[in-house]
Every structure is written in C-alpha cells, then in structure tokens.
Amino acid sequence: MKVKITILVCVLMMALFTGCGQKNGDTNNESGNTNGNATPDVVTTASIVDNEAAFENAISAKGTWIIAITKDLTLDKDLLLEGEFKNGKKDDSGKDIIQRKVALYAQDENRTITARYTLTAPKLTVTSPEASIQHGTFKGDLYVSVANFKLIDATVDGNVYFTTEEAKSTFNMDETSKVTGTQELKAQ
C-alpha cells in the first residue's frame, strides 16, 4: 500500500508542477498576490491525507486545491470546503483555471483507480468555486453554495441541498454518480 501511495503522490506532484512555474515578469507584492488586487491568488499542490485533522486543514481556505484521502475517514462534526484555488493550468484564453477537488480514491501510475474511500460527516458545505467530489463516497448531507459543483464517479449517501438556484441549476453529475437522498433547494 505504501508503494501505491508513493506513486500517487509522485504522479500528482508531477502533474501539478508541470503547470505551476512562474512566468517571467511575475512578481509578488507584500500580500503574496501576483495581480495586485486584494483577492489572494492561491496555487497549491495536492494534500494527501490519512487522518481527520489533516483533512480538516486541507479543506480550509488555507488548504490545497486537491485533497486526496488514503483511507476511509469519519468526522463527527460539520465540514466546510472553502477558499478559491488555482490548479496550475490555463484555459484557452490564458486565464488561470479555478478548481477544487476532493479525491476519495487512490490511483496507480497509469491513473487507474486502485481503491475507493468513504468520507463520513454529518454535513459538508461547499463554498469553493468549481469544486468536485470524485471516485468515492461521501456519507452525510451535502450543502452546495457555489455554481458548477460536480460529482464525478461519486456517491452521496445522503441528501444534496442547494443554497441558491444557481448552485442547483449548474450542478452536474456524471452517469456513474448517484445521490441516495433528495436533491432540493434549501437555505442553510
């Protein structure tokens, strides 16, 4: 198992560092921004976590753009996925791509999924833009407060509540994903 985790970490790091180099002329001001505005620009590497405290830190606004768990985790408190993160890639117009991913799986060097994990908590609220849960199971109620949230080959064993009409109308889940409870608009 340690070999698989090491390989997963190496593959994720290579993918992230490929697009994370600093361009000529980019300089940081005192707040750490490269664009001079008051909103922080955050580009981070993956956070590979195997315990509850590390997971809570990784999903915080000071965490990482991708959070990959390495085993089933159970937390007895409500969780908040917050913060805006860049994934180190650019879109067709050259703008940084915003993304946040909760990876509930392990993969090998060929990106073949080798294990799926379950994250259990009473409630997970998503406020990170362009977020997704991928290739595993979340047990609990999910509250989505942002547009374009995705389930990718994932199961929500609970309800999905959308706190805005935009969050509900832009929600996407692929054909292998499922929600065992209801999906409805509900204020928090």
C-alpha atoms as a PDB file:
ATOM      1  CA  MET A   1       0.000   0.000   0.000  1.00  0.00           C
ATOM      2  CA  LYS A   2       2.890   2.372   0.773  1.00  0.00           C
ATOM      3  CA  VAL A   3       4.169   1.921  -2.790  1.00  0.00           C
ATOM      4  CA  LYS A   4       0.762   2.859  -4.215  1.00  0.00           C
ATOM      5  CA  ILE A   5       0.553   5.972  -2.050  1.00  0.00           C
ATOM      6  CA  THR A   6       4.086   6.983  -3.009  1.00  0.00           C
ATOM      7  CA  ILE A   7       3.300   6.510  -6.691  1.00  0.00           C
ATOM      8  CA  LEU A   8       0.060   8.501  -6.322  1.00  0.00           C
ATOM      9  CA  VAL A   9       1.907  11.349  -4.629  1.00  0.00           C
ATOM     10  CA  CYS A  10       4.610  11.375  -7.331  1.00  0.00           C
ATOM     11  CA  VAL A  11       2.081  11.358 -10.188  1.00  0.00           C
ATOM     12  CA  LEU A  12       0.049  14.170  -8.622  1.00  0.00           C
ATOM     13  CA  MET A  13       3.136  16.256  -7.887  1.00  0.00           C
ATOM     14  CA  MET A  14       4.466  15.854 -11.451  1.00  0.00           C
ATOM     15  CA  ALA A  15       1.116  16.882 -12.906  1.00  0.00           C
ATOM     16  CA  LEU A  16       0.882  19.914 -10.662  1.00  0.00           C
ATOM     17  CA  PHE A  17       4.457  21.128 -11.066  1.00  0.00           C
ATOM     18  CA  THR A  18       4.192  20.931 -14.852  1.00  0.00           C
ATOM     19  CA  GLY A  19       1.797  23.889 -14.878  1.00  0.00           C
ATOM     20  CA  CYS A  20       2.929  25.748 -11.767  1.00  0.00           C
ATOM     21  CA  GLY A  21       6.076  27.523 -12.943  1.00  0.00           C
ATOM     22  CA  GLN A  22       6.381  31.297 -12.500  1.00  0.00           C
ATOM     23  CA  LYS A  23       6.313  33.358 -15.687  1.00  0.00           C
ATOM     24  CA  ASN A  24       8.939  35.980 -16.417  1.00  0.00           C
ATOM     25  CA  GLY A  25       7.823  39.335 -15.088  1.00  0.00           C
ATOM     26  CA  ASP A  26       5.570  37.872 -12.348  1.00  0.00           C
ATOM     27  CA  THR A  27       6.376  39.361  -9.002  1.00  0.00           C
ATOM     28  CA  ASN A  28       4.595  39.069  -5.713  1.00  0.00           C
ATOM     29  CA  ASN A  29       3.543  42.073  -3.720  1.00  0.00           C
ATOM     30  CA  GLU A  30       3.512  42.066   0.091  1.00  0.00           C
ATOM     31  CA  SER A  31       0.215  40.181   0.290  1.00  0.00           C
ATOM     32  CA  GLY A  32       1.520  37.347  -1.893  1.00  0.00           C
ATOM     33  CA  ASN A  33      -0.606  38.372  -4.860  1.00  0.00           C
ATOM     34  CA  THR A  34       0.760  38.450  -8.372  1.00  0.00           C
ATOM     35  CA  ASN A  35      -2.040  40.574  -9.734  1.00  0.00           C
ATOM     36  CA  GLY A  36      -2.024  43.443  -7.229  1.00  0.00           C
ATOM     37  CA  ASN A  37      -5.650  43.105  -6.138  1.00  0.00           C
ATOM     38  CA  ALA A  38      -6.962  42.318  -2.666  1.00  0.00           C
ATOM     39  CA  THR A  39      -8.049  38.764  -3.523  1.00  0.00           C
ATOM     40  CA  PRO A  40      -5.288  36.243  -2.873  1.00  0.00           C
ATOM     41  CA  ASP A  41      -4.124  34.100  -5.753  1.00  0.00           C
ATOM     42  CA  VAL A  42      -3.654  30.567  -4.496  1.00  0.00           C
ATOM     43  CA  VAL A  43      -1.904  27.809  -6.423  1.00  0.00           C
ATOM     44  CA  THR A  44      -1.077  24.793  -4.342  1.00  0.00           C
ATOM     45  CA  THR A  45      -0.032  21.187  -4.632  1.00  0.00           C
ATOM     46  CA  ALA A  46      -2.067  18.190  -3.557  1.00  0.00           C
ATOM     47  CA  SER A  47      -2.663  17.327   0.057  1.00  0.00           C
ATOM     48  CA  ILE A  48      -2.510  13.578   0.661  1.00  0.00           C
ATOM     49  CA  VAL A  49      -4.249  12.956   3.993  1.00  0.00           C
ATOM     50  CA  ASP A  50      -4.833   9.937   6.192  1.00  0.00           C
ATOM     51  CA  ASN A  51      -6.382  11.481   9.306  1.00  0.00           C
ATOM     52  CA  GLU A  52      -9.217  13.754  10.307  1.00  0.00           C
ATOM     53  CA  ALA A  53      -7.123  16.749  11.435  1.00  0.00           C
ATOM     54  CA  ALA A  54      -5.104  16.799   8.207  1.00  0.00           C
ATOM     55  CA  PHE A  55      -8.318  16.556   6.178  1.00  0.00           C
ATOM     56  CA  GLU A  56      -9.898  19.499   8.008  1.00  0.00           C
ATOM     57  CA  ASN A  57      -6.779  21.583   7.389  1.00  0.00           C
ATOM     58  CA  ALA A  58      -6.650  20.610   3.697  1.00  0.00           C
ATOM     59  CA  ILE A  59     -10.272  21.640   3.031  1.00  0.00           C
ATOM     60  CA  SER A  60      -9.859  25.011   4.741  1.00  0.00           C
ATOM     61  CA  ALA A  61      -9.246  28.290   2.923  1.00  0.00           C
ATOM     62  CA  LYS A  62      -5.548  27.816   3.727  1.00  0.00           C
ATOM     63  CA  GLY A  63      -5.546  24.267   2.351  1.00  0.00           C
ATOM     64  CA  THR A  64      -4.870  22.843  -1.096  1.00  0.00           C
ATOM     65  CA  TRP A  65      -6.694  22.691  -4.416  1.00  0.00           C
ATOM     66  CA  ILE A  66      -6.793  18.890  -4.355  1.00  0.00           C
ATOM     67  CA  ILE A  67      -7.417  16.855  -1.242  1.00  0.00           C
ATOM     68  CA  ALA A  68      -6.753  13.121  -1.617  1.00  0.00           C
ATOM     69  CA  ILE A  69      -7.599  10.775   1.221  1.00  0.00           C
ATOM     70  CA  THR A  70      -5.756   7.461   1.589  1.00  0.00           C
ATOM     71  CA  LYS A  71      -8.320   5.598   3.691  1.00  0.00           C
ATOM     72  CA  ASP A  72     -11.894   5.887   4.927  1.00  0.00           C
ATOM     73  CA  LEU A  73     -12.321   8.889   7.247  1.00  0.00           C
ATOM     74  CA  THR A  74     -15.090   9.614   9.739  1.00  0.00           C
ATOM     75  CA  LEU A  75     -15.550  13.027  11.343  1.00  0.00           C
ATOM     76  CA  ASP A  76     -18.231  13.783  13.918  1.00  0.00           C
ATOM     77  CA  LYS A  77     -18.555  17.466  13.050  1.00  0.00           C
ATOM     78  CA  ASP A  78     -19.826  19.574  10.150  1.00  0.00           C
ATOM     79  CA  LEU A  79     -17.228  20.354   7.484  1.00  0.00           C
ATOM     80  CA  LEU A  80     -16.652  23.371   5.239  1.00  0.00           C
ATOM     81  CA  LEU A  81     -14.819  23.181   1.893  1.00  0.00           C
ATOM     82  CA  GLU A  82     -13.830  26.824   1.427  1.00  0.00           C
ATOM     83  CA  GLY A  83     -11.399  29.030  -0.466  1.00  0.00           C
ATOM     84  CA  GLU A  84     -10.654  29.734  -4.123  1.00  0.00           C
ATOM     85  CA  PHE A  85      -7.785  27.771  -5.643  1.00  0.00           C
ATOM     86  CA  LYS A  86      -5.997  27.582  -8.985  1.00  0.00           C
ATOM     87  CA  ASN A  87      -4.998  24.199 -10.325  1.00  0.00           C
ATOM     88  CA  GLY A  88      -1.846  25.427 -12.077  1.00  0.00           C
ATOM     89  CA  LYS A  89      -3.318  25.224 -15.594  1.00  0.00           C
ATOM     90  CA  LYS A  90      -4.523  27.900 -18.004  1.00  0.00           C
ATOM     91  CA  ASP A  91      -7.672  27.994 -20.110  1.00  0.00           C
ATOM     92  CA  ASP A  92      -7.694  28.729 -23.857  1.00  0.00           C
ATOM     93  CA  SER A  93      -7.602  32.480 -23.207  1.00  0.00           C
ATOM     94  CA  GLY A  94      -4.604  32.188 -20.860  1.00  0.00           C
ATOM     95  CA  LYS A  95      -6.508  32.685 -17.605  1.00  0.00           C
ATOM     96  CA  ASP A  96      -5.737  30.569 -14.542  1.00  0.00           C
ATOM     97  CA  ILE A  97      -8.183  27.692 -14.058  1.00  0.00           C
ATOM     98  CA  ILE A  98     -10.013  27.698 -10.740  1.00  0.00           C
ATOM     99  CA  GLN A  99     -10.667  24.211  -9.342  1.00  0.00           C
ATOM    100  CA  ARG A 100     -11.117  22.360  -6.030  1.00  0.00           C
ATOM    101  CA  LYS A 101     -11.200  18.571  -5.898  1.00  0.00           C
ATOM    102  CA  VAL A 102     -11.932  16.143  -3.083  1.00  0.00           C
ATOM    103  CA  ALA A 103     -10.352  12.882  -4.304  1.00  0.00           C
ATOM    104  CA  LEU A 104     -11.801   9.889  -2.495  1.00  0.00           C
ATOM    105  CA  TYR A 105      -9.603   7.363  -4.283  1.00  0.00           C
ATOM    106  CA  ALA A 106      -6.117   6.062  -4.989  1.00  0.00           C
ATOM    107  CA  GLN A 107      -4.651   5.534  -8.436  1.00  0.00           C
ATOM    108  CA  ASP A 108      -1.597   3.915  -9.974  1.00  0.00           C
ATOM    109  CA  GLU A 109       0.998   5.420 -12.303  1.00  0.00           C
ATOM    110  CA  ASN A 110      -1.392   4.881 -15.255  1.00  0.00           C
ATOM    111  CA  ARG A 111      -4.158   6.781 -13.433  1.00  0.00           C
ATOM    112  CA  THR A 112      -6.138   3.575 -12.985  1.00  0.00           C
ATOM    113  CA  ILE A 113      -8.250   3.758  -9.844  1.00  0.00           C
ATOM    114  CA  THR A 114      -6.947   1.185  -7.372  1.00  0.00           C
ATOM    115  CA  ALA A 115      -9.055   1.997  -4.290  1.00  0.00           C
ATOM    116  CA  ARG A 116     -12.153   3.992  -3.375  1.00  0.00           C
ATOM    117  CA  TYR A 117     -12.736   5.540   0.026  1.00  0.00           C
ATOM    118  CA  THR A 118     -15.641   6.810   2.097  1.00  0.00           C
ATOM    119  CA  LEU A 119     -15.689  10.181   3.840  1.00  0.00           C
ATOM    120  CA  THR A 120     -18.322  10.350   6.588  1.00  0.00           C
ATOM    121  CA  ALA A 121     -19.512  13.540   8.312  1.00  0.00           C
ATOM    122  CA  PRO A 122     -22.908  14.869   9.360  1.00  0.00           C
ATOM    123  CA  LYS A 123     -22.683  17.752   6.864  1.00  0.00           C
ATOM    124  CA  LEU A 124     -20.288  19.063   4.222  1.00  0.00           C
ATOM    125  CA  THR A 125     -20.861  22.599   2.951  1.00  0.00           C
ATOM    126  CA  VAL A 126     -19.148  23.518  -0.322  1.00  0.00           C
ATOM    127  CA  THR A 127     -18.279  27.192  -0.866  1.00  0.00           C
ATOM    128  CA  SER A 128     -15.149  26.667  -3.021  1.00  0.00           C
ATOM    129  CA  PRO A 129     -15.834  27.572  -6.653  1.00  0.00           C
ATOM    130  CA  GLU A 130     -15.512  24.887  -9.334  1.00  0.00           C
ATOM    131  CA  ALA A 131     -15.398  22.108  -6.723  1.00  0.00           C
ATOM    132  CA  SER A 132     -15.960  18.391  -7.167  1.00  0.00           C
ATOM    133  CA  ILE A 133     -16.055  15.120  -5.279  1.00  0.00           C
ATOM    134  CA  GLN A 134     -14.529  12.282  -7.255  1.00  0.00           C
ATOM    135  CA  HIS A 135     -14.423   8.453  -7.312  1.00  0.00           C
ATOM    136  CA  GLY A 136     -15.642   7.620  -3.801  1.00  0.00           C
ATOM    137  CA  THR A 137     -18.492   8.050  -1.337  1.00  0.00           C
ATOM    138  CA  PHE A 138     -19.495  10.919   0.913  1.00  0.00           C
ATOM    139  CA  LYS A 139     -21.837   9.781   3.716  1.00  0.00           C
ATOM    140  CA  GLY A 140     -23.795  12.701   5.097  1.00  0.00           C
ATOM    141  CA  ASP A 141     -25.724  15.695   3.807  1.00  0.00           C
ATOM    142  CA  LEU A 142     -24.057  17.901   1.220  1.00  0.00           C
ATOM    143  CA  TYR A 143     -24.831  21.633   1.044  1.00  0.00           C
ATOM    144  CA  VAL A 144     -23.738  23.261  -2.216  1.00  0.00           C
ATOM    145  CA  SER A 145     -23.419  27.062  -2.217  1.00  0.00           C
ATOM    146  CA  VAL A 146     -21.471  27.559  -5.471  1.00  0.00           C
ATOM    147  CA  ALA A 147     -22.067  27.191  -9.173  1.00  0.00           C
ATOM    148  CA  ASN A 148     -20.699  24.308 -11.228  1.00  0.00           C
ATOM    149  CA  PHE A 149     -20.272  21.770  -8.427  1.00  0.00           C
ATOM    150  CA  LYS A 150     -19.656  18.270  -9.817  1.00  0.00           C
ATOM    151  CA  LEU A 151     -19.909  14.666  -8.728  1.00  0.00           C
ATOM    152  CA  ILE A 152     -17.564  12.548 -10.821  1.00  0.00           C
ATOM    153  CA  ASP A 153     -17.983   8.798 -10.389  1.00  0.00           C
ATOM    154  CA  ALA A 154     -19.036   9.534  -6.812  1.00  0.00           C
ATOM    155  CA  THR A 155     -21.873   8.691  -4.443  1.00  0.00           C
ATOM    156  CA  VAL A 156     -23.519  10.954  -1.908  1.00  0.00           C
ATOM    157  CA  ASP A 157     -25.095   8.666   0.668  1.00  0.00           C
ATOM    158  CA  GLY A 158     -27.426  11.370   1.929  1.00  0.00           C
ATOM    159  CA  ASN A 159     -29.159  14.483   0.635  1.00  0.00           C
ATOM    160  CA  VAL A 160     -27.835  17.244  -1.589  1.00  0.00           C
ATOM    161  CA  TYR A 161     -29.154  20.672  -0.673  1.00  0.00           C
ATOM    162  CA  PHE A 162     -28.519  23.683  -2.895  1.00  0.00           C
ATOM    163  CA  THR A 163     -28.451  27.020  -1.109  1.00  0.00           C
ATOM    164  CA  THR A 164     -29.061  29.042  -4.303  1.00  0.00           C
ATOM    165  CA  GLU A 165     -30.949  28.481  -7.533  1.00  0.00           C
ATOM    166  CA  GLU A 166     -27.678  28.977  -9.461  1.00  0.00           C
ATOM    167  CA  ALA A 167     -25.977  26.220  -7.437  1.00  0.00           C
ATOM    168  CA  LYS A 168     -28.879  23.878  -8.233  1.00  0.00           C
ATOM    169  CA  SER A 169     -29.147  24.732 -11.931  1.00  0.00           C
ATOM    170  CA  THR A 170     -25.405  24.358 -12.609  1.00  0.00           C
ATOM    171  CA  PHE A 171     -24.904  21.152 -10.559  1.00  0.00           C
ATOM    172  CA  ASN A 172     -23.563  18.282 -12.654  1.00  0.00           C
ATOM    173  CA  MET A 173     -23.084  14.604 -12.001  1.00  0.00           C
ATOM    174  CA  ASP A 174     -21.916  12.016 -14.495  1.00  0.00           C
ATOM    175  CA  GLU A 175     -23.747   8.783 -15.297  1.00  0.00           C
ATOM    176  CA  THR A 176     -21.764   6.769 -12.718  1.00  0.00           C
ATOM    177  CA  SER A 177     -22.561   9.141  -9.843  1.00  0.00           C
ATOM    178  CA  LYS A 178     -25.593   8.899  -7.593  1.00  0.00           C
ATOM    179  CA  VAL A 179     -27.337  10.591  -4.702  1.00  0.00           C
ATOM    180  CA  THR A 180     -29.271   8.253  -2.381  1.00  0.00           C
ATOM    181  CA  GLY A 181     -31.403  11.023  -0.819  1.00  0.00           C
ATOM    182  CA  THR A 182     -33.162  14.079  -2.141  1.00  0.00           C
ATOM    183  CA  GLN A 183     -31.781  16.941  -4.211  1.00  0.00           C
ATOM    184  CA  GLU A 184     -33.508  20.198  -3.424  1.00  0.00           C
ATOM    185  CA  LEU A 185     -33.168  23.925  -2.906  1.00  0.00           C
ATOM    186  CA  LYS A 186     -32.873  24.681   0.810  1.00  0.00           C
ATOM    187  CA  ALA A 187     -31.482  27.614   2.780  1.00  0.00           C
ATOM    188  CA  GLN A 188     -28.903  26.746   5.422  1.00  0.00           C
END
